[in-house]
Structures are given as structure tokens and as C-alpha cells.
């Protein structure tokens, strides 16, 4: 058979040996071990869904109950779960910063939720890349703080491991399974 210049040889093979075939519904299908771009999209959608849920919960808790996160910064537990206004001015400032950060995390949940529903691959890759960078830097900052600051406790390894895990997940998606 004659083929056009630059054309792949598999396009001109006999129908029974070609890489693509036609399904019963008349749609072209791929045979072989190739993975569908929709599988990558579903995996990324699952990662973004889990990220949305965790970010929404953590962001809401940080806004409503900042003292829960103040414990990671060395704040003492005073036995009150719904304590809104502590007496210590430094703790009040810490709570304001935690609430502001919680608002940012809650905003991320909305962004990630909407990114799940877009088909724009460039935007999805940009979001994945941005989260890889953000979570990698956050992991390094938390690790440095944990290893050098007197007020950090062993329980903060949970934060270090959480952000390192997020960096690894988003890094894996970015480097080895980029969104279609």
C-alpha cells in the first residue's frame, strides 16, 4: 500500500491488524495497553475532590475555632472548645492570623471545586503545578520551624507529613500523570 509522507505505518495496515478499530456503535476505539486520558482526568478529579473536602473542613474550622490550630503554634489548651476571645493579646493576634489563613483555605476549596468541572487542560495543569509548589514550600517551612523552634511539639509531625503528602500527590500528577 502507498502512504503519504510523514504518515505512520499503522494507518495503512489491514483493518484486522491496525491499532484502531471500530466498535459496535461505530466509534473508533484504541486497542492495546494505552491508558485513556479520561483515566488521568478521573484520578485528578478524585484528588481535587478530596482536596476540596479537606480544605473546606479545615478552612471552616480555622475560621470558626482558631484555637484548634493555635495548639500547633504553641498555644495552651484552656479547656474551652468554643472559646472565642482569649485574654492574651498575642493569642488574639494568632487567632486573627489563623482565621485569615482559614479564609484563604476555604477560598481554595471553592477554586478547586470549580477546577474539577473544567475541561481546560492548561488551567488544570497550572493549578496542579501551583499546588505542587505551594505544598512543597509549606512542607519545607514547617519542617524548618519544627526542627528549630522551641514551641513546636512532636504532634506537629502530622502537619509536616500532611503537607509533604500533598506535595508528593500533586508532584506525582504534575510530573508523571499530567492532566489531559
Protein backbone atom coordinates (compact mmCIF):
# COMPACT_ATOMS: atom_id res chain seq x y z
CA UNK A 1 0.00 0.00 0.00
CA UNK A 2 1.07 3.58 -0.65
CA UNK A 3 1.20 6.00 2.26
CA UNK A 4 1.60 9.74 2.41
CA UNK A 5 4.88 11.32 3.50
CA UNK A 6 5.10 11.56 7.29
CA UNK A 7 2.20 9.16 7.83
CA UNK A 8 2.60 6.44 10.43
CA UNK A 9 2.75 2.90 9.01
CA UNK A 10 -0.02 1.58 11.27
CA UNK A 11 -2.60 3.70 9.46
CA UNK A 12 -2.21 1.64 6.28
CA UNK A 13 -2.24 -1.86 7.70
CA UNK A 14 -5.05 -4.25 7.07
CA UNK A 15 -8.13 -3.47 9.20
CA UNK A 16 -7.64 -6.54 11.37
CA UNK A 17 -4.05 -5.54 12.31
CA UNK A 18 -4.49 -1.78 12.69
CA UNK A 19 -4.16 -0.15 16.13
CA UNK A 20 -7.61 1.36 15.98
CA UNK A 21 -10.83 -0.43 15.29
CA UNK A 22 -14.48 0.45 15.12
CA UNK A 23 -16.76 -0.58 17.95
CA UNK A 24 -20.30 -1.90 17.54
CA UNK A 25 -21.63 1.67 17.91
CA UNK A 26 -19.42 2.95 15.10
CA UNK A 27 -16.95 4.83 17.30
CA UNK A 28 -13.20 4.42 16.93
CA UNK A 29 -11.58 2.57 19.82
CA UNK A 30 -7.95 2.00 20.76
CA UNK A 31 -6.68 -1.46 21.40
CA UNK A 32 -3.61 -2.22 23.42
CA UNK A 33 -2.13 -1.16 26.75
CA UNK A 34 -2.53 2.61 26.26
CA UNK A 35 -4.29 4.46 29.04
CA UNK A 36 -7.15 6.75 28.31
CA UNK A 37 -6.76 10.45 29.04
CA UNK A 38 -10.10 10.13 30.82
CA UNK A 39 -8.46 7.83 33.41
CA UNK A 40 -5.95 10.59 34.19
CA UNK A 41 -8.82 13.09 34.36
CA UNK A 42 -10.76 10.86 36.77
CA UNK A 43 -7.72 10.40 39.03
CA UNK A 44 -7.10 14.13 39.09
CA UNK A 45 -10.80 14.78 39.71
CA UNK A 46 -10.66 12.43 42.71
CA UNK A 47 -7.55 14.20 44.07
CA UNK A 48 -9.24 17.58 43.59
CA UNK A 49 -12.44 16.32 45.26
CA UNK A 50 -10.54 15.09 48.32
CA UNK A 51 -8.59 18.36 48.38
CA UNK A 52 -11.88 20.31 48.20
CA UNK A 53 -13.42 18.42 51.12
CA UNK A 54 -10.33 18.62 53.36
CA UNK A 55 -9.78 22.31 52.52
CA UNK A 56 -13.44 23.17 53.19
CA UNK A 57 -13.40 21.40 56.56
CA UNK A 58 -10.01 22.77 57.66
CA UNK A 59 -10.77 26.29 56.41
CA UNK A 60 -14.14 26.35 58.18
CA UNK A 61 -12.63 25.04 61.41
CA UNK A 62 -9.84 27.63 61.25
CA UNK A 63 -12.34 30.46 60.80
CA UNK A 64 -14.77 29.24 63.46
CA UNK A 65 -12.41 27.64 66.00
CA UNK A 66 -8.91 29.12 65.55
CA UNK A 67 -7.71 27.82 68.91
CA UNK A 68 -7.77 24.28 67.48
CA UNK A 69 -4.96 25.34 65.13
CA UNK A 70 -3.35 27.58 67.75
CA UNK A 71 -2.32 24.40 69.54
CA UNK A 72 0.09 23.70 66.65
CA UNK A 73 1.66 27.12 67.26
CA UNK A 74 2.31 26.54 70.96
CA UNK A 75 -0.94 27.92 72.38
CA UNK A 76 -2.00 26.30 75.64
CA UNK A 77 -5.29 24.42 75.88
CA UNK A 78 -7.63 26.19 78.28
CA UNK A 79 -10.36 23.56 78.36
CA UNK A 80 -12.93 25.53 76.35
CA UNK A 81 -13.83 24.23 72.91
CA UNK A 82 -15.91 27.28 71.94
CA UNK A 83 -13.57 29.95 73.33
CA UNK A 84 -13.87 32.99 71.01
CA UNK A 85 -11.92 35.79 72.71
CA UNK A 86 -8.89 34.83 74.77
CA UNK A 87 -7.44 37.37 77.21
CA UNK A 88 -3.85 37.26 75.94
CA UNK A 89 -3.26 39.89 73.17
CA UNK A 90 -0.69 37.64 71.46
CA UNK A 91 -3.21 34.79 71.30
CA UNK A 92 -5.82 37.18 69.87
CA UNK A 93 -3.39 38.15 67.12
CA UNK A 94 -2.61 34.50 66.46
CA UNK A 95 -6.35 33.78 66.16
CA UNK A 96 -6.80 36.61 63.65
CA UNK A 97 -3.96 35.24 61.50
CA UNK A 98 -5.35 31.70 61.74
CA UNK A 99 -8.82 32.96 60.72
CA UNK A 100 -7.35 34.85 57.75
CA UNK A 101 -5.45 31.75 56.66
CA UNK A 102 -8.63 29.72 57.16
CA UNK A 103 -10.47 32.10 54.82
CA UNK A 104 -7.77 31.52 52.19
CA UNK A 105 -8.05 27.76 52.60
CA UNK A 106 -11.83 27.98 52.30
CA UNK A 107 -11.39 30.04 49.13
CA UNK A 108 -9.06 27.34 47.77
CA UNK A 109 -11.79 24.79 48.31
CA UNK A 110 -14.10 26.80 46.04
CA UNK A 111 -11.39 27.23 43.40
CA UNK A 112 -10.50 23.54 43.38
CA UNK A 113 -14.19 22.56 43.27
CA UNK A 114 -14.70 24.64 40.13
CA UNK A 115 -11.45 23.43 38.51
CA UNK A 116 -12.81 19.88 38.75
CA UNK A 117 -15.58 20.84 36.32
CA UNK A 118 -13.44 22.46 33.64
CA UNK A 119 -12.09 20.75 30.54
CA UNK A 120 -9.29 23.30 30.05
CA UNK A 121 -6.15 21.17 30.37
CA UNK A 122 -3.80 24.15 30.56
CA UNK A 123 -5.67 25.57 33.55
CA UNK A 124 -5.81 22.19 35.29
CA UNK A 125 -2.04 21.70 34.74
CA UNK A 126 -1.42 25.21 36.09
CA UNK A 127 -3.43 24.52 39.24
CA UNK A 128 -1.63 21.20 39.77
CA UNK A 129 1.76 22.87 39.30
CA UNK A 130 0.84 25.71 41.67
CA UNK A 131 -0.29 23.31 44.41
CA UNK A 132 2.86 21.24 43.98
CA UNK A 133 4.98 24.36 44.54
CA UNK A 134 2.83 25.69 47.41
CA UNK A 135 2.72 22.40 49.30
CA UNK A 136 6.44 21.74 48.74
CA UNK A 137 7.38 25.16 50.16
CA UNK A 138 4.89 24.75 53.01
CA UNK A 139 6.45 21.38 53.89
CA UNK A 140 9.93 22.89 53.96
CA UNK A 141 8.81 25.85 56.09
CA UNK A 142 7.00 23.60 58.57
CA UNK A 143 9.94 21.20 58.73
CA UNK A 144 12.38 24.04 59.37
CA UNK A 145 10.12 25.52 62.02
CA UNK A 146 9.56 22.16 63.64
CA UNK A 147 13.27 21.43 63.86
CA UNK A 148 14.40 24.89 65.04
CA UNK A 149 11.61 26.34 67.22
CA UNK A 150 11.20 25.58 70.92
CA UNK A 151 7.36 25.81 70.90
CA UNK A 152 6.78 23.05 68.36
CA UNK A 153 5.71 19.66 69.65
CA UNK A 154 6.06 16.16 68.24
CA UNK A 155 2.38 16.23 67.26
CA UNK A 156 3.31 18.74 64.55
CA UNK A 157 4.79 15.92 62.51
CA UNK A 158 1.18 15.39 61.43
CA UNK A 159 1.25 18.78 59.69
CA UNK A 160 4.66 18.14 58.18
CA UNK A 161 3.57 14.74 56.87
CA UNK A 162 0.20 16.09 55.63
CA UNK A 163 1.75 18.85 53.51
CA UNK A 164 4.58 16.60 52.35
CA UNK A 165 1.97 14.05 51.26
CA UNK A 166 0.03 16.72 49.37
CA UNK A 167 3.25 17.87 47.68
CA UNK A 168 4.01 14.28 46.69
CA UNK A 169 0.49 13.69 45.31
CA UNK A 170 0.44 16.90 43.28
CA UNK A 171 4.05 16.35 42.21
CA UNK A 172 3.20 12.86 41.02
CA UNK A 173 0.26 14.16 39.00
CA UNK A 174 2.33 17.01 37.58
CA UNK A 175 5.45 15.03 36.64
CA UNK A 176 4.15 11.52 35.86
CA UNK A 177 0.45 11.85 35.09
CA UNK A 178 -0.25 15.38 33.85
CA UNK A 179 -3.86 16.36 33.28
CA UNK A 180 -5.08 15.99 29.70
